[in-house]
Amino acid sequence: MTWDGTELPHAPDLLETARRTLLDEIVPRLSGDARFKALMAANAMAIAARAARLGTTDLAPLLARLGNPASLCRDIRAGRCDPGTPMYEETASALLRLAEARCRISAPKALG
C-alpha cells in the first residue's frame, strides 16, 4: 500500500476523543450495571491512550537488568536479593522503577 499524503490519526488522540464522548454523552444516560461497564471501558481507554503515548521502551533496560523472570523469582525466594546481599540494591532499584513505569500507564494518580 502506498501513502496517499493524508495525515494518519494519532492513536492516543483517537482514544481520548472516544473516551470523552463516552463520558460526556453516553455515561450520563446510563445507570446501574451499564453505567459501571461504560466507566470501566472509559478507564481502559485512558490506560490504552497513556500506553500508546508513553510507550514501553523505557521498560526494556529494566527488564534486561532483572533478567529472566523465573530465575529472578528463584533468586528472591532463595534470599539472594535480601537486604545486605550483593544483588539487593540493583534488584530493589530495578523493581521500584519498573513498578513506577507501570503505574505511569495504569494508575498515574497512585504516584502522587
PDB file of N, CA and C in Angstrom:
ATOM      1  N   MET A   1       0.845  -1.177   0.000  1.00  0.00           N
ATOM      2  CA  MET A   1       0.000   0.000   0.000  1.00  0.00           C
ATOM      3  C   MET A   1       0.889   1.239   0.000  1.00  0.00           C
ATOM      4  N   THR A   2       0.542   2.220  -0.768  1.00  0.00           N
ATOM      5  CA  THR A   2       1.324   3.455  -0.825  1.00  0.00           C
ATOM      6  C   THR A   2       0.623   4.543  -0.037  1.00  0.00           C
ATOM      7  N   TRP A   3       1.414   5.476   0.450  1.00  0.00           N
ATOM      8  CA  TRP A   3       0.884   6.582   1.235  1.00  0.00           C
ATOM      9  C   TRP A   3       0.224   7.585   0.306  1.00  0.00           C
ATOM     10  N   ASP A   4      -0.995   7.984   0.646  1.00  0.00           N
ATOM     11  CA  ASP A   4      -1.733   8.903  -0.230  1.00  0.00           C
ATOM     12  C   ASP A   4      -1.582  10.367   0.178  1.00  0.00           C
ATOM     13  N   GLY A   5      -0.718  10.643   1.150  1.00  0.00           N
ATOM     14  CA  GLY A   5      -0.467  12.017   1.562  1.00  0.00           C
ATOM     15  C   GLY A   5      -1.349  12.521   2.680  1.00  0.00           C
ATOM     16  N   THR A   6      -2.344  11.752   3.078  1.00  0.00           N
ATOM     17  CA  THR A   6      -3.204  12.198   4.174  1.00  0.00           C
ATOM     18  C   THR A   6      -2.517  11.923   5.502  1.00  0.00           C
ATOM     19  N   GLU A   7      -2.831  12.751   6.460  1.00  0.00           N
ATOM     20  CA  GLU A   7      -2.244  12.581   7.784  1.00  0.00           C
ATOM     21  C   GLU A   7      -2.969  11.453   8.511  1.00  0.00           C
ATOM     22  N   LEU A   8      -2.189  10.549   9.070  1.00  0.00           N
ATOM     23  CA  LEU A   8      -2.774   9.434   9.810  1.00  0.00           C
ATOM     24  C   LEU A   8      -3.212   9.906  11.190  1.00  0.00           C
ATOM     25  N   PRO A   9      -4.310   9.373  11.703  1.00  0.00           N
ATOM     26  CA  PRO A   9      -4.753   9.760  13.042  1.00  0.00           C
ATOM     27  C   PRO A   9      -3.769   9.251  14.095  1.00  0.00           C
ATOM     28  N   HIS A  10      -3.651   9.981  15.161  1.00  0.00           N
ATOM     29  CA  HIS A  10      -2.768   9.626  16.265  1.00  0.00           C
ATOM     30  C   HIS A  10      -3.592   8.827  17.277  1.00  0.00           C
ATOM     31  N   ALA A  11      -3.201   7.582  17.523  1.00  0.00           N
ATOM     32  CA  ALA A  11      -3.994   6.668  18.352  1.00  0.00           C
ATOM     33  C   ALA A  11      -4.382   7.250  19.709  1.00  0.00           C
ATOM     34  N   PRO A  12      -3.459   7.840  20.474  1.00  0.00           N
ATOM     35  CA  PRO A  12      -3.878   8.380  21.774  1.00  0.00           C
ATOM     36  C   PRO A  12      -4.960   9.454  21.657  1.00  0.00           C
ATOM     37  N   ASP A  13      -4.867  10.277  20.619  1.00  0.00           N
ATOM     38  CA  ASP A  13      -5.889  11.314  20.421  1.00  0.00           C
ATOM     39  C   ASP A  13      -7.247  10.708  20.076  1.00  0.00           C
ATOM     40  N   LEU A  14      -7.242   9.671  19.245  1.00  0.00           N
ATOM     41  CA  LEU A  14      -8.497   8.985  18.906  1.00  0.00           C
ATOM     42  C   LEU A  14      -9.129   8.367  20.148  1.00  0.00           C
ATOM     43  N   LEU A  15      -8.301   7.709  20.954  1.00  0.00           N
ATOM     44  CA  LEU A  15      -8.811   7.092  22.179  1.00  0.00           C
ATOM     45  C   LEU A  15      -9.378   8.143  23.129  1.00  0.00           C
ATOM     46  N   GLU A  16      -8.692   9.268  23.265  1.00  0.00           N
ATOM     47  CA  GLU A  16      -9.169  10.318  24.163  1.00  0.00           C
ATOM     48  C   GLU A  16     -10.472  10.933  23.659  1.00  0.00           C
ATOM     49  N   THR A  17     -10.602  11.118  22.353  1.00  0.00           N
ATOM     50  CA  THR A  17     -11.845  11.653  21.789  1.00  0.00           C
ATOM     51  C   THR A  17     -13.005  10.691  22.037  1.00  0.00           C
ATOM     52  N   ALA A  18     -12.773   9.410  21.798  1.00  0.00           N
ATOM     53  CA  ALA A  18     -13.818   8.410  22.036  1.00  0.00           C
ATOM     54  C   ALA A  18     -14.172   8.340  23.519  1.00  0.00           C
ATOM     55  N   ARG A  19     -13.169   8.421  24.380  1.00  0.00           N
ATOM     56  CA  ARG A  19     -13.392   8.377  25.827  1.00  0.00           C
ATOM     57  C   ARG A  19     -14.219   9.579  26.283  1.00  0.00           C
ATOM     58  N   ARG A  20     -13.870  10.771  25.806  1.00  0.00           N
ATOM     59  CA  ARG A  20     -14.613  11.975  26.184  1.00  0.00           C
ATOM     60  C   ARG A  20     -16.067  11.874  25.726  1.00  0.00           C
ATOM     61  N   THR A  21     -16.280  11.353  24.528  1.00  0.00           N
ATOM     62  CA  THR A  21     -17.644  11.179  24.023  1.00  0.00           C
ATOM     63  C   THR A  21     -18.415  10.214  24.915  1.00  0.00           C
ATOM     64  N   LEU A  22     -17.787   9.113  25.265  1.00  0.00           N
ATOM     65  CA  LEU A  22     -18.414   8.121  26.138  1.00  0.00           C
ATOM     66  C   LEU A  22     -18.780   8.753  27.482  1.00  0.00           C
ATOM     67  N   LEU A  23     -17.823   9.458  28.089  1.00  0.00           N
ATOM     68  CA  LEU A  23     -18.064  10.051  29.405  1.00  0.00           C
ATOM     69  C   LEU A  23     -19.059  11.208  29.375  1.00  0.00           C
ATOM     70  N   ASP A  24     -18.979  12.039  28.349  1.00  0.00           N
ATOM     71  CA  ASP A  24     -19.820  13.243  28.300  1.00  0.00           C
ATOM     72  C   ASP A  24     -21.225  13.006  27.758  1.00  0.00           C
ATOM     73  N   GLU A  25     -21.361  12.076  26.817  1.00  0.00           N
ATOM     74  CA  GLU A  25     -22.645  11.923  26.136  1.00  0.00           C
ATOM     75  C   GLU A  25     -23.379  10.618  26.434  1.00  0.00           C
ATOM     76  N   ILE A  26     -22.658   9.574  26.761  1.00  0.00           N
ATOM     77  CA  ILE A  26     -23.310   8.273  26.938  1.00  0.00           C
ATOM     78  C   ILE A  26     -23.468   7.912  28.408  1.00  0.00           C
ATOM     79  N   VAL A  27     -22.393   8.016  29.190  1.00  0.00           N
ATOM     80  CA  VAL A  27     -22.454   7.634  30.603  1.00  0.00           C
ATOM     81  C   VAL A  27     -23.561   8.361  31.362  1.00  0.00           C
ATOM     82  N   PRO A  28     -23.772   9.665  31.155  1.00  0.00           N
ATOM     83  CA  PRO A  28     -24.839  10.342  31.906  1.00  0.00           C
ATOM     84  C   PRO A  28     -26.235   9.752  31.667  1.00  0.00           C
ATOM     85  N   ARG A  29     -26.426   9.051  30.574  1.00  0.00           N
ATOM     86  CA  ARG A  29     -27.734   8.463  30.258  1.00  0.00           C
ATOM     87  C   ARG A  29     -27.888   7.042  30.795  1.00  0.00           C
ATOM     88  N   LEU A  30     -26.835   6.519  31.393  1.00  0.00           N
ATOM     89  CA  LEU A  30     -26.848   5.136  31.869  1.00  0.00           C
ATOM     90  C   LEU A  30     -26.991   5.085  33.377  1.00  0.00           C
ATOM     91  N   SER A  31     -27.367   3.908  33.860  1.00  0.00           N
ATOM     92  CA  SER A  31     -27.418   3.686  35.301  1.00  0.00           C
ATOM     93  C   SER A  31     -27.059   2.234  35.584  1.00  0.00           C
ATOM     94  N   GLY A  32     -26.820   1.965  36.838  1.00  0.00           N
ATOM     95  CA  GLY A  32     -26.570   0.606  37.280  1.00  0.00           C
ATOM     96  C   GLY A  32     -25.378  -0.050  36.607  1.00  0.00           C
ATOM     97  N   ASP A  33     -25.577  -1.319  36.231  1.00  0.00           N
ATOM     98  CA  ASP A  33     -24.510  -2.133  35.658  1.00  0.00           C
ATOM     99  C   ASP A  33     -24.000  -1.565  34.335  1.00  0.00           C
ATOM    100  N   ALA A  34     -24.895  -1.046  33.520  1.00  0.00           N
ATOM    101  CA  ALA A  34     -24.479  -0.478  32.232  1.00  0.00           C
ATOM    102  C   ALA A  34     -23.564   0.728  32.448  1.00  0.00           C
ATOM    103  N   ARG A  35     -23.890   1.560  33.432  1.00  0.00           N
ATOM    104  CA  ARG A  35     -23.044   2.723  33.747  1.00  0.00           C
ATOM    105  C   ARG A  35     -21.668   2.266  34.223  1.00  0.00           C
ATOM    106  N   PHE A  36     -21.652   1.285  35.110  1.00  0.00           N
ATOM    107  CA  PHE A  36     -20.388   0.753  35.622  1.00  0.00           C
ATOM    108  C   PHE A  36     -19.521   0.226  34.481  1.00  0.00           C
ATOM    109  N   LYS A  37     -20.126  -0.538  33.575  1.00  0.00           N
ATOM    110  CA  LYS A  37     -19.373  -1.103  32.447  1.00  0.00           C
ATOM    111  C   LYS A  37     -18.852  -0.010  31.511  1.00  0.00           C
ATOM    112  N   ALA A  38     -19.635   1.023  31.297  1.00  0.00           N
ATOM    113  CA  ALA A  38     -19.185   2.131  30.445  1.00  0.00           C
ATOM    114  C   ALA A  38     -18.025   2.879  31.101  1.00  0.00           C
ATOM    115  N   LEU A  39     -18.086   3.067  32.415  1.00  0.00           N
ATOM    116  CA  LEU A  39     -16.986   3.718  33.125  1.00  0.00           C
ATOM    117  C   LEU A  39     -15.725   2.859  33.087  1.00  0.00           C
ATOM    118  N   MET A  40     -15.901   1.534  33.181  1.00  0.00           N
ATOM    119  CA  MET A  40     -14.751   0.627  33.043  1.00  0.00           C
ATOM    120  C   MET A  40     -14.127   0.759  31.664  1.00  0.00           C
ATOM    121  N   ALA A  41     -14.961   0.830  30.639  1.00  0.00           N
ATOM    122  CA  ALA A  41     -14.462   0.982  29.269  1.00  0.00           C
ATOM    123  C   ALA A  41     -13.723   2.309  29.116  1.00  0.00           C
ATOM    124  N   ALA A  42     -14.250   3.366  29.707  1.00  0.00           N
ATOM    125  CA  ALA A  42     -13.588   4.677  29.643  1.00  0.00           C
ATOM    126  C   ALA A  42     -12.232   4.629  30.332  1.00  0.00           C
ATOM    127  N   ASN A  43     -12.155   3.937  31.454  1.00  0.00           N
ATOM    128  CA  ASN A  43     -10.882   3.790  32.153  1.00  0.00           C
ATOM    129  C   ASN A  43      -9.888   2.997  31.303  1.00  0.00           C
ATOM    130  N   ALA A  44     -10.359   1.935  30.668  1.00  0.00           N
ATOM    131  CA  ALA A  44      -9.489   1.141  29.793  1.00  0.00           C
ATOM    132  C   ALA A  44      -8.978   1.980  28.625  1.00  0.00           C
ATOM    133  N   MET A  45      -9.829   2.849  28.103  1.00  0.00           N
ATOM    134  CA  MET A  45      -9.409   3.731  27.006  1.00  0.00           C
ATOM    135  C   MET A  45      -8.325   4.703  27.473  1.00  0.00           C
ATOM    136  N   ALA A  46      -8.461   5.212  28.693  1.00  0.00           N
ATOM    137  CA  ALA A  46      -7.450   6.126  29.233  1.00  0.00           C
ATOM    138  C   ALA A  46      -6.116   5.410  29.404  1.00  0.00           C
ATOM    139  N   ILE A  47      -6.159   4.178  29.894  1.00  0.00           N
ATOM    140  CA  ILE A  47      -4.935   3.390  30.060  1.00  0.00           C
ATOM    141  C   ILE A  47      -4.293   3.124  28.705  1.00  0.00           C
ATOM    142  N   ALA A  48      -5.103   2.734  27.726  1.00  0.00           N
ATOM    143  CA  ALA A  48      -4.576   2.456  26.384  1.00  0.00           C
ATOM    144  C   ALA A  48      -3.968   3.707  25.758  1.00  0.00           C
ATOM    145  N   ALA A  49      -4.596   4.860  25.971  1.00  0.00           N
ATOM    146  CA  ALA A  49      -4.058   6.116  25.428  1.00  0.00           C
ATOM    147  C   ALA A  49      -2.718   6.451  26.071  1.00  0.00           C
ATOM    148  N   ARG A  50      -2.630   6.276  27.406  1.00  0.00           N
ATOM    149  CA  ARG A  50      -1.347   6.541  28.076  1.00  0.00           C
ATOM    150  C   ARG A  50      -0.280   5.568  27.602  1.00  0.00           C
ATOM    151  N   ALA A  51      -0.642   4.297  27.428  1.00  0.00           N
ATOM    152  CA  ALA A  51       0.326   3.303  26.952  1.00  0.00           C
ATOM    153  C   ALA A  51       0.820   3.661  25.555  1.00  0.00           C
ATOM    154  N   ALA A  52      -0.088   4.106  24.701  1.00  0.00           N
ATOM    155  CA  ALA A  52       0.307   4.486  23.341  1.00  0.00           C
ATOM    156  C   ALA A  52       1.170   5.745  23.356  1.00  0.00           C
ATOM    157  N   ARG A  53       0.854   6.657  24.252  1.00  0.00           N
ATOM    158  CA  ARG A  53       1.598   7.920  24.325  1.00  0.00           C
ATOM    159  C   ARG A  53       2.977   7.718  24.957  1.00  0.00           C
ATOM    160  N   LEU A  54       3.031   6.976  26.053  1.00  0.00           N
ATOM    161  CA  LEU A  54       4.285   6.806  26.784  1.00  0.00           C
ATOM    162  C   LEU A  54       5.139   5.673  26.235  1.00  0.00           C
ATOM    163  N   GLY A  55       4.478   4.663  25.672  1.00  0.00           N
ATOM    164  CA  GLY A  55       5.218   3.507  25.177  1.00  0.00           C
ATOM    165  C   GLY A  55       5.805   2.692  26.316  1.00  0.00           C
ATOM    166  N   THR A  56       6.487   1.643  25.954  1.00  0.00           N
ATOM    167  CA  THR A  56       7.108   0.778  26.957  1.00  0.00           C
ATOM    168  C   THR A  56       8.601   0.626  26.718  1.00  0.00           C
ATOM    169  N   THR A  57       9.178   1.482  25.880  1.00  0.00           N
ATOM    170  CA  THR A  57      10.596   1.347  25.569  1.00  0.00           C
ATOM    171  C   THR A  57      11.474   1.544  26.792  1.00  0.00           C
ATOM    172  N   ASP A  58      11.016   2.368  27.755  1.00  0.00           N
ATOM    173  CA  ASP A  58      11.827   2.568  28.952  1.00  0.00           C
ATOM    174  C   ASP A  58      11.841   1.340  29.852  1.00  0.00           C
ATOM    175  N   LEU A  59      10.944   0.390  29.609  1.00  0.00           N
ATOM    176  CA  LEU A  59      10.923  -0.835  30.402  1.00  0.00           C
ATOM    177  C   LEU A  59      11.982  -1.837  29.949  1.00  0.00           C
ATOM    178  N   ALA A  60      12.378  -1.784  28.694  1.00  0.00           N
ATOM    179  CA  ALA A  60      13.319  -2.772  28.159  1.00  0.00           C
ATOM    180  C   ALA A  60      14.626  -2.836  28.949  1.00  0.00           C
ATOM    181  N   PRO A  61      15.280  -1.708  29.242  1.00  0.00           N
ATOM    182  CA  PRO A  61      16.523  -1.802  30.016  1.00  0.00           C
ATOM    183  C   PRO A  61      16.304  -2.359  31.423  1.00  0.00           C
ATOM    184  N   LEU A  62      15.167  -1.994  32.031  1.00  0.00           N
ATOM    185  CA  LEU A  62      14.874  -2.518  33.370  1.00  0.00           C
ATOM    186  C   LEU A  62      14.675  -4.020  33.335  1.00  0.00           C
ATOM    187  N   LEU A  63      13.900  -4.472  32.367  1.00  0.00           N
ATOM    188  CA  LEU A  63      13.649  -5.907  32.252  1.00  0.00           C
ATOM    189  C   LEU A  63      14.941  -6.652  31.958  1.00  0.00           C
ATOM    190  N   ALA A  64      15.815  -6.057  31.153  1.00  0.00           N
ATOM    191  CA  ALA A  64      17.100  -6.693  30.850  1.00  0.00           C
ATOM    192  C   ALA A  64      17.951  -6.791  32.116  1.00  0.00           C
ATOM    193  N   ARG A  65      17.925  -5.734  32.944  1.00  0.00           N
ATOM    194  CA  ARG A  65      18.699  -5.766  34.193  1.00  0.00           C
ATOM    195  C   ARG A  65      18.179  -6.837  35.140  1.00  0.00           C
ATOM    196  N   LEU A  66      16.871  -7.036  35.149  1.00  0.00           N
ATOM    197  CA  LEU A  66      16.285  -8.028  36.051  1.00  0.00           C
ATOM    198  C   LEU A  66      16.493  -9.447  35.549  1.00  0.00           C
ATOM    199  N   GLY A  67      16.683  -9.592  34.242  1.00  0.00           N
ATOM    200  CA  GLY A  67      16.924 -10.921  33.683  1.00  0.00           C
ATOM    201  C   GLY A  67      15.652 -11.737  33.555  1.00  0.00           C
ATOM    202  N   ASN A  68      15.840 -13.012  33.438  1.00  0.00           N
ATOM    203  CA  ASN A  68      14.744 -13.964  33.275  1.00  0.00           C
ATOM    204  C   ASN A  68      13.837 -13.919  34.506  1.00  0.00           C
ATOM    205  N   PRO A  69      12.531 -13.706  34.328  1.00  0.00           N
ATOM    206  CA  PRO A  69      11.626 -13.627  35.484  1.00  0.00           C
ATOM    207  C   PRO A  69      11.658 -14.870  36.372  1.00  0.00           C
ATOM    208  N   ALA A  70      11.766 -16.039  35.776  1.00  0.00           N
ATOM    209  CA  ALA A  70      11.785 -17.267  36.582  1.00  0.00           C
ATOM    210  C   ALA A  70      13.034 -17.323  37.455  1.00  0.00           C
ATOM    211  N   SER A  71      14.185 -16.962  36.896  1.00  0.00           N
ATOM    212  CA  SER A  71      15.413 -17.006  37.699  1.00  0.00           C
ATOM    213  C   SER A  71      15.412 -15.893  38.751  1.00  0.00           C
ATOM    214  N   LEU A  72      14.829 -14.735  38.421  1.00  0.00           N
ATOM    215  CA  LEU A  72      14.715 -13.665  39.413  1.00  0.00           C
ATOM    216  C   LEU A  72      13.852 -14.128  40.584  1.00  0.00           C
ATOM    217  N   CYS A  73      12.740 -14.782  40.286  1.00  0.00           N
ATOM    218  CA  CYS A  73      11.868 -15.307  41.350  1.00  0.00           C
ATOM    219  C   CYS A  73      12.619 -16.313  42.216  1.00  0.00           C
ATOM    220  N   ARG A  74      13.401 -17.176  41.579  1.00  0.00           N
ATOM    221  CA  ARG A  74      14.196 -18.153  42.349  1.00  0.00           C
ATOM    222  C   ARG A  74      15.200 -17.431  43.248  1.00  0.00           C
ATOM    223  N   ASP A  75      15.859 -16.402  42.700  1.00  0.00           N
ATOM    224  CA  ASP A  75      16.831 -15.640  43.497  1.00  0.00           C
ATOM    225  C   ASP A  75      16.158 -14.966  44.685  1.00  0.00           C
ATOM    226  N   ILE A  76      14.986 -14.386  44.463  1.00  0.00           N
ATOM    227  CA  ILE A  76      14.264 -13.719  45.552  1.00  0.00           C
ATOM    228  C   ILE A  76      13.850 -14.735  46.611  1.00  0.00           C
ATOM    229  N   ARG A  77      13.263 -15.861  46.177  1.00  0.00           N
ATOM    230  CA  ARG A  77      12.834 -16.891  47.137  1.00  0.00           C
ATOM    231  C   ARG A  77      14.008 -17.462  47.915  1.00  0.00           C
ATOM    232  N   ALA A  78      15.165 -17.559  47.273  1.00  0.00           N
ATOM    233  CA  ALA A  78      16.348 -18.131  47.922  1.00  0.00           C
ATOM    234  C   ALA A  78      17.051 -17.120  48.826  1.00  0.00           C
ATOM    235  N   GLY A  79      16.569 -15.877  48.841  1.00  0.00           N
ATOM    236  CA  GLY A  79      17.169 -14.867  49.704  1.00  0.00           C
ATOM    237  C   GLY A  79      18.370 -14.163  49.098  1.00  0.00           C
ATOM    238  N   ARG A  80      18.652 -14.408  47.830  1.00  0.00           N
ATOM    239  CA  ARG A  80      19.823 -13.794  47.191  1.00  0.00           C
ATOM    240  C   ARG A  80      19.620 -12.310  46.890  1.00  0.00           C
ATOM    241  N   CYS A  81      18.392 -11.817  47.064  1.00  0.00           N
ATOM    242  CA  CYS A  81      18.101 -10.397  46.819  1.00  0.00           C
ATOM    243  C   CYS A  81      17.686  -9.686  48.104  1.00  0.00           C
ATOM    244  N   ASP A  82      17.888 -10.330  49.232  1.00  0.00           N
ATOM    245  CA  ASP A  82      17.529  -9.733  50.516  1.00  0.00           C
ATOM    246  C   ASP A  82      18.447  -8.556  50.845  1.00  0.00           C
ATOM    247  N   PRO A  83      17.975  -7.636  51.706  1.00  0.00           N
ATOM    248  CA  PRO A  83      18.848  -6.534  52.130  1.00  0.00           C
ATOM    249  C   PRO A  83      20.171  -7.082  52.670  1.00  0.00           C
ATOM    250  N   GLY A  84      21.239  -6.414  52.281  1.00  0.00           N
ATOM    251  CA  GLY A  84      22.566  -6.841  52.716  1.00  0.00           C
ATOM    252  C   GLY A  84      23.264  -7.776  51.745  1.00  0.00           C
ATOM    253  N   THR A  85      22.541  -8.263  50.734  1.00  0.00           N
ATOM    254  CA  THR A  85      23.173  -9.138  49.740  1.00  0.00           C
ATOM    255  C   THR A  85      23.660  -8.297  48.564  1.00  0.00           C
ATOM    256  N   PRO A  86      24.620  -8.821  47.795  1.00  0.00           N
ATOM    257  CA  PRO A  86      25.136  -8.062  46.651  1.00  0.00           C
ATOM    258  C   PRO A  86      24.062  -7.706  45.614  1.00  0.00           C
ATOM    259  N   MET A  87      23.028  -8.521  45.487  1.00  0.00           N
ATOM    260  CA  MET A  87      22.001  -8.285  44.471  1.00  0.00           C
ATOM    261  C   MET A  87      20.909  -7.320  44.925  1.00  0.00           C
ATOM    262  N   TYR A  88      20.871  -7.011  46.220  1.00  0.00           N
ATOM    263  CA  TYR A  88      19.736  -6.258  46.763  1.00  0.00           C
ATOM    264  C   TYR A  88      19.541  -4.893  46.110  1.00  0.00           C
ATOM    265  N   GLU A  89      20.542  -4.037  46.145  1.00  0.00           N
ATOM    266  CA  GLU A  89      20.378  -2.658  45.667  1.00  0.00           C
ATOM    267  C   GLU A  89      19.910  -2.604  44.221  1.00  0.00           C
ATOM    268  N   GLU A  90      20.581  -3.344  43.344  1.00  0.00           N
ATOM    269  CA  GLU A  90      20.225  -3.302  41.926  1.00  0.00           C
ATOM    270  C   GLU A  90      18.827  -3.875  41.688  1.00  0.00           C
ATOM    271  N   THR A  91      18.511  -4.990  42.353  1.00  0.00           N
ATOM    272  CA  THR A  91      17.199  -5.613  42.165  1.00  0.00           C
ATOM    273  C   THR A  91      16.089  -4.721  42.707  1.00  0.00           C
ATOM    274  N   ALA A  92      16.260  -4.204  43.914  1.00  0.00           N
ATOM    275  CA  ALA A  92      15.234  -3.345  44.516  1.00  0.00           C
ATOM    276  C   ALA A  92      15.027  -2.086  43.677  1.00  0.00           C
ATOM    277  N   SER A  93      16.111  -1.486  43.217  1.00  0.00           N
ATOM    278  CA  SER A  93      16.013  -0.278  42.396  1.00  0.00           C
ATOM    279  C   SER A  93      15.288  -0.565  41.082  1.00  0.00           C
ATOM    280  N   ALA A  94      15.651  -1.658  40.425  1.00  0.00           N
ATOM    281  CA  ALA A  94      15.022  -2.001  39.143  1.00  0.00           C
ATOM    282  C   ALA A  94      13.541  -2.321  39.326  1.00  0.00           C
ATOM    283  N   LEU A  95      13.191  -3.056  40.378  1.00  0.00           N
ATOM    284  CA  LEU A  95      11.781  -3.393  40.615  1.00  0.00           C
ATOM    285  C   LEU A  95      10.962  -2.143  40.943  1.00  0.00           C
ATOM    286  N   LEU A  96      11.533  -1.222  41.706  1.00  0.00           N
ATOM    287  CA  LEU A  96      10.835   0.022  42.019  1.00  0.00           C
ATOM    288  C   LEU A  96      10.612   0.842  40.752  1.00  0.00           C
ATOM    289  N   ARG A  97      11.631   0.973  39.920  1.00  0.00           N
ATOM    290  CA  ARG A  97      11.494   1.735  38.679  1.00  0.00           C
ATOM    291  C   ARG A  97      10.498   1.070  37.729  1.00  0.00           C
ATOM    292  N   LEU A  98      10.480  -0.260  37.705  1.00  0.00           N
ATOM    293  CA  LEU A  98       9.523  -0.987  36.874  1.00  0.00           C
ATOM    294  C   LEU A  98       8.094  -0.730  37.361  1.00  0.00           C
ATOM    295  N   ALA A  99       7.893  -0.791  38.670  1.00  0.00           N
ATOM    296  CA  ALA A  99       6.562  -0.529  39.235  1.00  0.00           C
ATOM    297  C   ALA A  99       6.119   0.901  38.936  1.00  0.00           C
ATOM    298  N   GLU A 100       7.031   1.863  39.060  1.00  0.00           N
ATOM    299  CA  GLU A 100       6.694   3.256  38.755  1.00  0.00           C
ATOM    300  C   GLU A 100       6.337   3.432  37.280  1.00  0.00           C
ATOM    301  N   ALA A 101       7.096   2.788  36.394  1.00  0.00           N
ATOM    302  CA  ALA A 101       6.815   2.890  34.953  1.00  0.00           C
ATOM    303  C   ALA A 101       5.447   2.307  34.626  1.00  0.00           C
ATOM    304  N   ARG A 102       5.117   1.195  35.246  1.00  0.00           N
ATOM    305  CA  ARG A 102       3.806   0.586  35.010  1.00  0.00           C
ATOM    306  C   ARG A 102       2.690   1.453  35.576  1.00  0.00           C
ATOM    307  N   CYS A 103       2.924   2.063  36.742  1.00  0.00           N
ATOM    308  CA  CYS A 103       1.913   2.943  37.340  1.00  0.00           C
ATOM    309  C   CYS A 103       1.672   4.183  36.493  1.00  0.00           C
ATOM    310  N   ARG A 104       2.715   4.698  35.835  1.00  0.00           N
ATOM    311  CA  ARG A 104       2.524   5.873  34.975  1.00  0.00           C
ATOM    312  C   ARG A 104       1.487   5.580  33.894  1.00  0.00           C
ATOM    313  N   ILE A 105       1.365   4.307  33.505  1.00  0.00           N
ATOM    314  CA  ILE A 105       0.398   3.915  32.482  1.00  0.00           C
ATOM    315  C   ILE A 105      -0.943   3.535  33.110  1.00  0.00           C
ATOM    316  N   SER A 106      -0.911   2.654  34.105  1.00  0.00           N
ATOM    317  CA  SER A 106      -2.172   2.102  34.605  1.00  0.00           C
ATOM    318  C   SER A 106      -2.825   2.909  35.723  1.00  0.00           C
ATOM    319  N   ALA A 107      -2.033   3.600  36.534  1.00  0.00           N
ATOM    320  CA  ALA A 107      -2.613   4.323  37.675  1.00  0.00           C
ATOM    321  C   ALA A 107      -1.741   5.508  38.065  1.00  0.00           C
ATOM    322  N   PRO A 108      -1.626   6.525  37.207  1.00  0.00           N
ATOM    323  CA  PRO A 108      -0.714   7.637  37.494  1.00  0.00           C
ATOM    324  C   PRO A 108      -1.041   8.399  38.776  1.00  0.00           C
ATOM    325  N   LYS A 109      -2.294   8.403  39.196  1.00  0.00           N
ATOM    326  CA  LYS A 109      -2.662   9.098  40.439  1.00  0.00           C
ATOM    327  C   LYS A 109      -2.002   8.446  41.650  1.00  0.00           C
ATOM    328  N   ALA A 110      -1.685   7.160  41.552  1.00  0.00           N
ATOM    329  CA  ALA A 110      -1.049   6.453  42.659  1.00  0.00           C
ATOM    330  C   ALA A 110       0.361   6.973  42.922  1.00  0.00           C
ATOM    331  N   LEU A 111       0.957   7.618  41.932  1.00  0.00           N
ATOM    332  CA  LEU A 111       2.315   8.146  42.095  1.00  0.00           C
ATOM    333  C   LEU A 111       2.333   9.513  42.765  1.00  0.00           C
ATOM    334  N   GLY A 112       1.156  10.083  42.964  1.00  0.00           N
ATOM    335  CA  GLY A 112       1.053  11.361  43.665  1.00  0.00           C
ATOM    336  C   GLY A 112       1.132  12.552  42.829  1.00  0.00           C
TER     337      GLY A 112
END
